């Protein structure tokens, strides 16, 4: 078994899946749904890759400019 496919929290198997990321800004909250991630099949914890993290950072910067109280995005639509 590949070391990267083992959950460091519980030892379960990580497999490709999706997660929801919630970012709390001073001006409001951004929720990004259907974010590609590695998800532990045992405990449900998730990890995103570097490219995904970079794209999320861009989304956060754009949202800060708009200053919404609440914004909900779906990854394929926001990507």
PDB file of N, CA and C in Angstrom:
ATOM      1  N   UNK A   1       0.846  -1.186   0.000  1.00  0.00           N
ATOM      2  CA  UNK A   1       0.000   0.000   0.000  1.00  0.00           C
ATOM      3  C   UNK A   1       0.884   1.239   0.000  1.00  0.00           C
ATOM      4  N   UNK A   2       0.546   2.193  -0.823  1.00  0.00           N
ATOM      5  CA  UNK A   2       1.277   3.453  -0.925  1.00  0.00           C
ATOM      6  C   UNK A   2       1.086   4.258   0.366  1.00  0.00           C
ATOM      7  N   UNK A   3       2.179   4.779   0.899  1.00  0.00           N
ATOM      8  CA  UNK A   3       2.131   5.558   2.138  1.00  0.00           C
ATOM      9  C   UNK A   3       1.206   6.764   2.018  1.00  0.00           C
ATOM     10  N   UNK A   4       1.141   7.367   0.829  1.00  0.00           N
ATOM     11  CA  UNK A   4       0.283   8.536   0.617  1.00  0.00           C
ATOM     12  C   UNK A   4      -1.199   8.179   0.606  1.00  0.00           C
ATOM     13  N   UNK A   5      -1.523   6.899   0.460  1.00  0.00           N
ATOM     14  CA  UNK A   5      -2.928   6.500   0.424  1.00  0.00           C
ATOM     15  C   UNK A   5      -3.443   6.062   1.792  1.00  0.00           C
ATOM     16  N   UNK A   6      -2.595   6.169   2.830  1.00  0.00           N
ATOM     17  CA  UNK A   6      -2.994   5.793   4.183  1.00  0.00           C
ATOM     18  C   UNK A   6      -3.268   7.063   4.996  1.00  0.00           C
ATOM     19  N   UNK A   7      -4.393   7.090   5.647  1.00  0.00           N
ATOM     20  CA  UNK A   7      -4.762   8.241   6.475  1.00  0.00           C
ATOM     21  C   UNK A   7      -3.826   8.327   7.673  1.00  0.00           C
ATOM     22  N   UNK A   8      -3.173   9.473   7.861  1.00  0.00           N
ATOM     23  CA  UNK A   8      -2.265   9.609   8.996  1.00  0.00           C
ATOM     24  C   UNK A   8      -3.000   9.726  10.333  1.00  0.00           C
ATOM     25  N   UNK A   9      -4.303   9.951  10.293  1.00  0.00           N
ATOM     26  CA  UNK A   9      -5.082  10.090  11.526  1.00  0.00           C
ATOM     27  C   UNK A   9      -5.579   8.760  12.069  1.00  0.00           C
ATOM     28  N   UNK A  10      -6.091   7.909  11.173  1.00  0.00           N
ATOM     29  CA  UNK A  10      -6.702   6.661  11.647  1.00  0.00           C
ATOM     30  C   UNK A  10      -6.158   5.403  10.985  1.00  0.00           C
ATOM     31  N   UNK A  11      -5.338   5.570   9.931  1.00  0.00           N
ATOM     32  CA  UNK A  11      -4.794   4.412   9.230  1.00  0.00           C
ATOM     33  C   UNK A  11      -5.700   3.859   8.148  1.00  0.00           C
ATOM     34  N   UNK A  12      -6.834   4.515   7.906  1.00  0.00           N
ATOM     35  CA  UNK A  12      -7.757   4.073   6.863  1.00  0.00           C
ATOM     36  C   UNK A  12      -7.217   4.372   5.468  1.00  0.00           C
ATOM     37  N   UNK A  13      -7.960   3.934   4.473  1.00  0.00           N
ATOM     38  CA  UNK A  13      -7.568   4.148   3.074  1.00  0.00           C
ATOM     39  C   UNK A  13      -8.085   5.488   2.575  1.00  0.00           C
ATOM     40  N   UNK A  14      -7.187   6.284   1.962  1.00  0.00           N
ATOM     41  CA  UNK A  14      -7.584   7.536   1.307  1.00  0.00           C
ATOM     42  C   UNK A  14      -7.850   7.226  -0.157  1.00  0.00           C
ATOM     43  N   UNK A  15      -8.988   7.699  -0.657  1.00  0.00           N
ATOM     44  CA  UNK A  15      -9.342   7.508  -2.058  1.00  0.00           C
ATOM     45  C   UNK A  15      -9.802   8.837  -2.643  1.00  0.00           C
ATOM     46  N   UNK A  16      -9.737   8.983  -3.963  1.00  0.00           N
ATOM     47  CA  UNK A  16     -10.211  10.225  -4.577  1.00  0.00           C
ATOM     48  C   UNK A  16     -11.694  10.434  -4.301  1.00  0.00           C
ATOM     49  N   UNK A  17     -12.044  11.667  -4.000  1.00  0.00           N
ATOM     50  CA  UNK A  17     -13.429  12.008  -3.731  1.00  0.00           C
ATOM     51  C   UNK A  17     -13.594  13.514  -3.726  1.00  0.00           C
ATOM     52  N   UNK A  18     -14.565  13.984  -2.983  1.00  0.00           N
ATOM     53  CA  UNK A  18     -14.867  15.410  -2.929  1.00  0.00           C
ATOM     54  C   UNK A  18     -15.098  15.829  -1.486  1.00  0.00           C
ATOM     55  N   UNK A  19     -14.859  17.109  -1.220  1.00  0.00           N
ATOM     56  CA  UNK A  19     -15.086  17.664   0.104  1.00  0.00           C
ATOM     57  C   UNK A  19     -15.690  19.047  -0.034  1.00  0.00           C
ATOM     58  N   UNK A  20     -16.126  19.585   1.065  1.00  0.00           N
ATOM     59  CA  UNK A  20     -16.630  20.955   1.125  1.00  0.00           C
ATOM     60  C   UNK A  20     -15.672  21.772   1.973  1.00  0.00           C
ATOM     61  N   UNK A  21     -15.248  22.903   1.448  1.00  0.00           N
ATOM     62  CA  UNK A  21     -14.322  23.794   2.147  1.00  0.00           C
ATOM     63  C   UNK A  21     -15.095  25.031   2.591  1.00  0.00           C
ATOM     64  N   UNK A  22     -14.971  25.379   3.857  1.00  0.00           N
ATOM     65  CA  UNK A  22     -15.605  26.580   4.398  1.00  0.00           C
ATOM     66  C   UNK A  22     -14.512  27.535   4.854  1.00  0.00           C
ATOM     67  N   UNK A  23     -14.565  28.763   4.355  1.00  0.00           N
ATOM     68  CA  UNK A  23     -13.568  29.776   4.694  1.00  0.00           C
ATOM     69  C   UNK A  23     -14.294  30.921   5.389  1.00  0.00           C
ATOM     70  N   UNK A  24     -13.870  31.217   6.606  1.00  0.00           N
ATOM     71  CA  UNK A  24     -14.479  32.298   7.387  1.00  0.00           C
ATOM     72  C   UNK A  24     -13.616  33.548   7.232  1.00  0.00           C
ATOM     73  N   UNK A  25     -14.141  34.530   6.496  1.00  0.00           N
ATOM     74  CA  UNK A  25     -13.463  35.807   6.323  1.00  0.00           C
ATOM     75  C   UNK A  25     -14.026  36.801   7.328  1.00  0.00           C
ATOM     76  N   UNK A  26     -13.344  37.880   7.539  1.00  0.00           N
ATOM     77  CA  UNK A  26     -13.858  38.900   8.457  1.00  0.00           C
ATOM     78  C   UNK A  26     -15.186  39.470   7.956  1.00  0.00           C
ATOM     79  N   UNK A  27     -15.347  39.526   6.637  1.00  0.00           N
ATOM     80  CA  UNK A  27     -16.557  40.112   6.059  1.00  0.00           C
ATOM     81  C   UNK A  27     -17.682  39.108   5.855  1.00  0.00           C
ATOM     82  N   UNK A  28     -17.394  37.825   5.913  1.00  0.00           N
ATOM     83  CA  UNK A  28     -18.419  36.814   5.677  1.00  0.00           C
ATOM     84  C   UNK A  28     -17.822  35.428   5.553  1.00  0.00           C
ATOM     85  N   UNK A  29     -18.609  34.521   4.986  1.00  0.00           N
ATOM     86  CA  UNK A  29     -18.223  33.118   4.865  1.00  0.00           C
ATOM     87  C   UNK A  29     -18.330  32.685   3.409  1.00  0.00           C
ATOM     88  N   UNK A  30     -17.343  31.935   2.957  1.00  0.00           N
ATOM     89  CA  UNK A  30     -17.366  31.346   1.623  1.00  0.00           C
ATOM     90  C   UNK A  30     -17.419  29.835   1.798  1.00  0.00           C
ATOM     91  N   UNK A  31     -18.319  29.186   1.077  1.00  0.00           N
ATOM     92  CA  UNK A  31     -18.416  27.738   1.087  1.00  0.00           C
ATOM     93  C   UNK A  31     -18.178  27.269  -0.342  1.00  0.00           C
ATOM     94  N   UNK A  32     -17.213  26.389  -0.518  1.00  0.00           N
ATOM     95  CA  UNK A  32     -16.928  25.829  -1.843  1.00  0.00           C
ATOM     96  C   UNK A  32     -17.216  24.335  -1.763  1.00  0.00           C
ATOM     97  N   UNK A  33     -18.197  23.900  -2.541  1.00  0.00           N
ATOM     98  CA  UNK A  33     -18.633  22.502  -2.534  1.00  0.00           C
ATOM     99  C   UNK A  33     -18.005  21.734  -3.684  1.00  0.00           C
ATOM    100  N   UNK A  34     -17.949  20.417  -3.539  1.00  0.00           N
ATOM    101  CA  UNK A  34     -17.468  19.494  -4.575  1.00  0.00           C
ATOM    102  C   UNK A  34     -16.008  19.740  -4.935  1.00  0.00           C
ATOM    103  N   UNK A  35     -15.182  20.043  -3.929  1.00  0.00           N
ATOM    104  CA  UNK A  35     -13.749  20.268  -4.138  1.00  0.00           C
ATOM    105  C   UNK A  35     -13.053  18.910  -4.230  1.00  0.00           C
ATOM    106  N   UNK A  36     -12.271  18.658  -5.291  1.00  0.00           N
ATOM    107  CA  UNK A  36     -11.572  17.385  -5.406  1.00  0.00           C
ATOM    108  C   UNK A  36     -10.581  17.209  -4.257  1.00  0.00           C
ATOM    109  N   UNK A  37     -10.574  16.007  -3.685  1.00  0.00           N
ATOM    110  CA  UNK A  37      -9.717  15.757  -2.527  1.00  0.00           C
ATOM    111  C   UNK A  37      -9.451  14.266  -2.393  1.00  0.00           C
ATOM    112  N   UNK A  38      -8.502  13.938  -1.537  1.00  0.00           N
ATOM    113  CA  UNK A  38      -8.303  12.570  -1.092  1.00  0.00           C
ATOM    114  C   UNK A  38      -9.089  12.443   0.206  1.00  0.00           C
ATOM    115  N   UNK A  39      -9.990  11.481   0.276  1.00  0.00           N
ATOM    116  CA  UNK A  39     -10.881  11.353   1.424  1.00  0.00           C
ATOM    117  C   UNK A  39     -10.677   9.994   2.081  1.00  0.00           C
ATOM    118  N   UNK A  40     -10.501  10.000   3.396  1.00  0.00           N
ATOM    119  CA  UNK A  40     -10.344   8.753   4.140  1.00  0.00           C
ATOM    120  C   UNK A  40     -11.686   8.036   4.187  1.00  0.00           C
ATOM    121  N   UNK A  41     -11.691   6.779   3.802  1.00  0.00           N
ATOM    122  CA  UNK A  41     -12.912   5.997   3.792  1.00  0.00           C
ATOM    123  C   UNK A  41     -13.344   5.569   5.189  1.00  0.00           C
ATOM    124  N   UNK A  42     -12.436   5.685   6.157  1.00  0.00           N
ATOM    125  CA  UNK A  42     -12.756   5.269   7.520  1.00  0.00           C
ATOM    126  C   UNK A  42     -13.233   6.434   8.388  1.00  0.00           C
ATOM    127  N   UNK A  43     -12.465   7.531   8.430  1.00  0.00           N
ATOM    128  CA  UNK A  43     -12.815   8.633   9.336  1.00  0.00           C
ATOM    129  C   UNK A  43     -13.419   9.844   8.623  1.00  0.00           C
ATOM    130  N   UNK A  44     -13.319   9.900   7.285  1.00  0.00           N
ATOM    131  CA  UNK A  44     -13.928  10.989   6.525  1.00  0.00           C
ATOM    132  C   UNK A  44     -13.077  12.242   6.391  1.00  0.00           C
ATOM    133  N   UNK A  45     -11.896  12.259   7.002  1.00  0.00           N
ATOM    134  CA  UNK A  45     -11.014  13.425   6.870  1.00  0.00           C
ATOM    135  C   UNK A  45     -10.595  13.563   5.405  1.00  0.00           C
ATOM    136  N   UNK A  46     -10.333  14.800   4.963  1.00  0.00           N
ATOM    137  CA  UNK A  46      -9.978  15.011   3.559  1.00  0.00           C
ATOM    138  C   UNK A  46      -8.737  15.878   3.431  1.00  0.00           C
ATOM    139  N   UNK A  47      -8.035  15.701   2.301  1.00  0.00           N
ATOM    140  CA  UNK A  47      -6.827  16.449   1.984  1.00  0.00           C
ATOM    141  C   UNK A  47      -6.932  16.908   0.541  1.00  0.00           C
ATOM    142  N   UNK A  48      -6.563  18.180   0.303  1.00  0.00           N
ATOM    143  CA  UNK A  48      -6.567  18.702  -1.062  1.00  0.00           C
ATOM    144  C   UNK A  48      -5.132  18.827  -1.551  1.00  0.00           C
ATOM    145  N   UNK A  49      -4.960  18.767  -2.860  1.00  0.00           N
ATOM    146  CA  UNK A  49      -3.647  18.886  -3.464  1.00  0.00           C
ATOM    147  C   UNK A  49      -3.204  20.331  -3.601  1.00  0.00           C
ATOM    148  N   UNK A  50      -1.955  20.515  -3.984  1.00  0.00           N
ATOM    149  CA  UNK A  50      -1.384  21.863  -4.093  1.00  0.00           C
ATOM    150  C   UNK A  50      -2.083  22.706  -5.150  1.00  0.00           C
ATOM    151  N   UNK A  51      -2.382  22.130  -6.304  1.00  0.00           N
ATOM    152  CA  UNK A  51      -3.058  22.896  -7.361  1.00  0.00           C
ATOM    153  C   UNK A  51      -4.444  23.321  -6.913  1.00  0.00           C
ATOM    154  N   UNK A  52      -5.142  22.437  -6.233  1.00  0.00           N
ATOM    155  CA  UNK A  52      -6.468  22.768  -5.710  1.00  0.00           C
ATOM    156  C   UNK A  52      -6.360  23.891  -4.686  1.00  0.00           C
ATOM    157  N   UNK A  53      -5.364  23.814  -3.814  1.00  0.00           N
ATOM    158  CA  UNK A  53      -5.156  24.857  -2.798  1.00  0.00           C
ATOM    159  C   UNK A  53      -4.862  26.198  -3.453  1.00  0.00           C
ATOM    160  N   UNK A  54      -4.063  26.194  -4.499  1.00  0.00           N
ATOM    161  CA  UNK A  54      -3.759  27.453  -5.201  1.00  0.00           C
ATOM    162  C   UNK A  54      -5.027  28.062  -5.789  1.00  0.00           C
ATOM    163  N   UNK A  55      -5.850  27.215  -6.389  1.00  0.00           N
ATOM    164  CA  UNK A  55      -7.083  27.721  -6.986  1.00  0.00           C
ATOM    165  C   UNK A  55      -8.034  28.242  -5.905  1.00  0.00           C
ATOM    166  N   UNK A  56      -8.116  27.543  -4.785  1.00  0.00           N
ATOM    167  CA  UNK A  56      -8.946  28.019  -3.681  1.00  0.00           C
ATOM    168  C   UNK A  56      -8.483  29.385  -3.198  1.00  0.00           C
ATOM    169  N   UNK A  57      -7.181  29.582  -3.139  1.00  0.00           N
ATOM    170  CA  UNK A  57      -6.648  30.881  -2.705  1.00  0.00           C
ATOM    171  C   UNK A  57      -7.095  31.990  -3.656  1.00  0.00           C
ATOM    172  N   UNK A  58      -7.111  31.711  -4.959  1.00  0.00           N
ATOM    173  CA  UNK A  58      -7.593  32.700  -5.929  1.00  0.00           C
ATOM    174  C   UNK A  58      -9.068  33.011  -5.691  1.00  0.00           C
ATOM    175  N   UNK A  59      -9.863  31.968  -5.424  1.00  0.00           N
ATOM    176  CA  UNK A  59     -11.280  32.180  -5.149  1.00  0.00           C
ATOM    177  C   UNK A  59     -11.476  33.038  -3.904  1.00  0.00           C
ATOM    178  N   UNK A  60     -10.656  32.802  -2.896  1.00  0.00           N
ATOM    179  CA  UNK A  60     -10.743  33.578  -1.660  1.00  0.00           C
ATOM    180  C   UNK A  60     -10.407  35.039  -1.918  1.00  0.00           C
ATOM    181  N   UNK A  61      -9.357  35.276  -2.701  1.00  0.00           N
ATOM    182  CA  UNK A  61      -8.973  36.656  -3.017  1.00  0.00           C
ATOM    183  C   UNK A  61     -10.087  37.380  -3.770  1.00  0.00           C
ATOM    184  N   UNK A  62     -10.739  36.685  -4.723  1.00  0.00           N
ATOM    185  CA  UNK A  62     -11.845  37.283  -5.467  1.00  0.00           C
ATOM    186  C   UNK A  62     -13.022  37.589  -4.545  1.00  0.00           C
ATOM    187  N   UNK A  63     -13.311  36.670  -3.636  1.00  0.00           N
ATOM    188  CA  UNK A  63     -14.426  36.868  -2.708  1.00  0.00           C
ATOM    189  C   UNK A  63     -14.154  38.031  -1.756  1.00  0.00           C
ATOM    190  N   UNK A  64     -12.916  38.186  -1.334  1.00  0.00           N
ATOM    191  CA  UNK A  64     -12.580  39.312  -0.447  1.00  0.00           C
ATOM    192  C   UNK A  64     -12.895  40.643  -1.122  1.00  0.00           C
ATOM    193  N   UNK A  65     -12.671  40.720  -2.424  1.00  0.00           N
ATOM    194  CA  UNK A  65     -12.958  41.948  -3.162  1.00  0.00           C
ATOM    195  C   UNK A  65     -14.458  42.233  -3.202  1.00  0.00           C
ATOM    196  N   UNK A  66     -15.268  41.164  -3.322  1.00  0.00           N
ATOM    197  CA  UNK A  66     -16.724  41.322  -3.380  1.00  0.00           C
ATOM    198  C   UNK A  66     -17.328  41.538  -2.000  1.00  0.00           C
ATOM    199  N   UNK A  67     -16.657  41.061  -0.960  1.00  0.00           N
ATOM    200  CA  UNK A  67     -17.100  41.173   0.439  1.00  0.00           C
ATOM    201  C   UNK A  67     -18.524  40.672   0.665  1.00  0.00           C
ATOM    202  N   UNK A  68     -18.846  39.435   0.204  1.00  0.00           N
ATOM    203  CA  UNK A  68     -20.192  38.924   0.454  1.00  0.00           C
ATOM    204  C   UNK A  68     -20.342  38.479   1.911  1.00  0.00           C
ATOM    205  N   UNK A  69     -21.556  38.512   2.389  1.00  0.00           N
ATOM    206  CA  UNK A  69     -21.795  37.987   3.733  1.00  0.00           C
ATOM    207  C   UNK A  69     -21.715  36.465   3.693  1.00  0.00           C
ATOM    208  N   UNK A  70     -22.343  35.870   2.665  1.00  0.00           N
ATOM    209  CA  UNK A  70     -22.278  34.427   2.448  1.00  0.00           C
ATOM    210  C   UNK A  70     -22.192  34.194   0.950  1.00  0.00           C
ATOM    211  N   UNK A  71     -21.268  33.335   0.542  1.00  0.00           N
ATOM    212  CA  UNK A  71     -21.162  32.951  -0.861  1.00  0.00           C
ATOM    213  C   UNK A  71     -20.950  31.449  -0.915  1.00  0.00           C
ATOM    214  N   UNK A  72     -21.772  30.759  -1.724  1.00  0.00           N
ATOM    215  CA  UNK A  72     -21.654  29.315  -1.887  1.00  0.00           C
ATOM    216  C   UNK A  72     -21.328  29.043  -3.347  1.00  0.00           C
ATOM    217  N   UNK A  73     -20.219  28.330  -3.567  1.00  0.00           N
ATOM    218  CA  UNK A  73     -19.757  28.010  -4.923  1.00  0.00           C
ATOM    219  C   UNK A  73     -19.668  26.506  -5.084  1.00  0.00           C
ATOM    220  N   UNK A  74     -19.892  26.011  -6.277  1.00  0.00           N
ATOM    221  CA  UNK A  74     -19.617  24.623  -6.607  1.00  0.00           C
ATOM    222  C   UNK A  74     -18.324  24.590  -7.387  1.00  0.00           C
ATOM    223  N   UNK A  75     -17.403  23.708  -7.024  1.00  0.00           N
ATOM    224  CA  UNK A  75     -16.070  23.669  -7.613  1.00  0.00           C
ATOM    225  C   UNK A  75     -16.086  23.688  -9.135  1.00  0.00           C
ATOM    226  N   UNK A  76     -16.828  22.800  -9.812  1.00  0.00           N
ATOM    227  CA  UNK A  76     -16.753  22.840 -11.283  1.00  0.00           C
ATOM    228  C   UNK A  76     -17.165  24.189 -11.859  1.00  0.00           C
ATOM    229  N   UNK A  77     -18.106  24.865 -11.205  1.00  0.00           N
ATOM    230  CA  UNK A  77     -18.544  26.178 -11.689  1.00  0.00           C
ATOM    231  C   UNK A  77     -17.531  27.257 -11.375  1.00  0.00           C
ATOM    232  N   UNK A  78     -16.801  27.093 -10.261  1.00  0.00           N
ATOM    233  CA  UNK A  78     -15.853  28.110  -9.810  1.00  0.00           C
ATOM    234  C   UNK A  78     -14.453  27.875 -10.371  1.00  0.00           C
ATOM    235  N   UNK A  79     -14.175  26.665 -10.791  1.00  0.00           N
ATOM    236  CA  UNK A  79     -12.822  26.311 -11.257  1.00  0.00           C
ATOM    237  C   UNK A  79     -12.498  26.905 -12.596  1.00  0.00           C
TER     238      UNK A  79
END
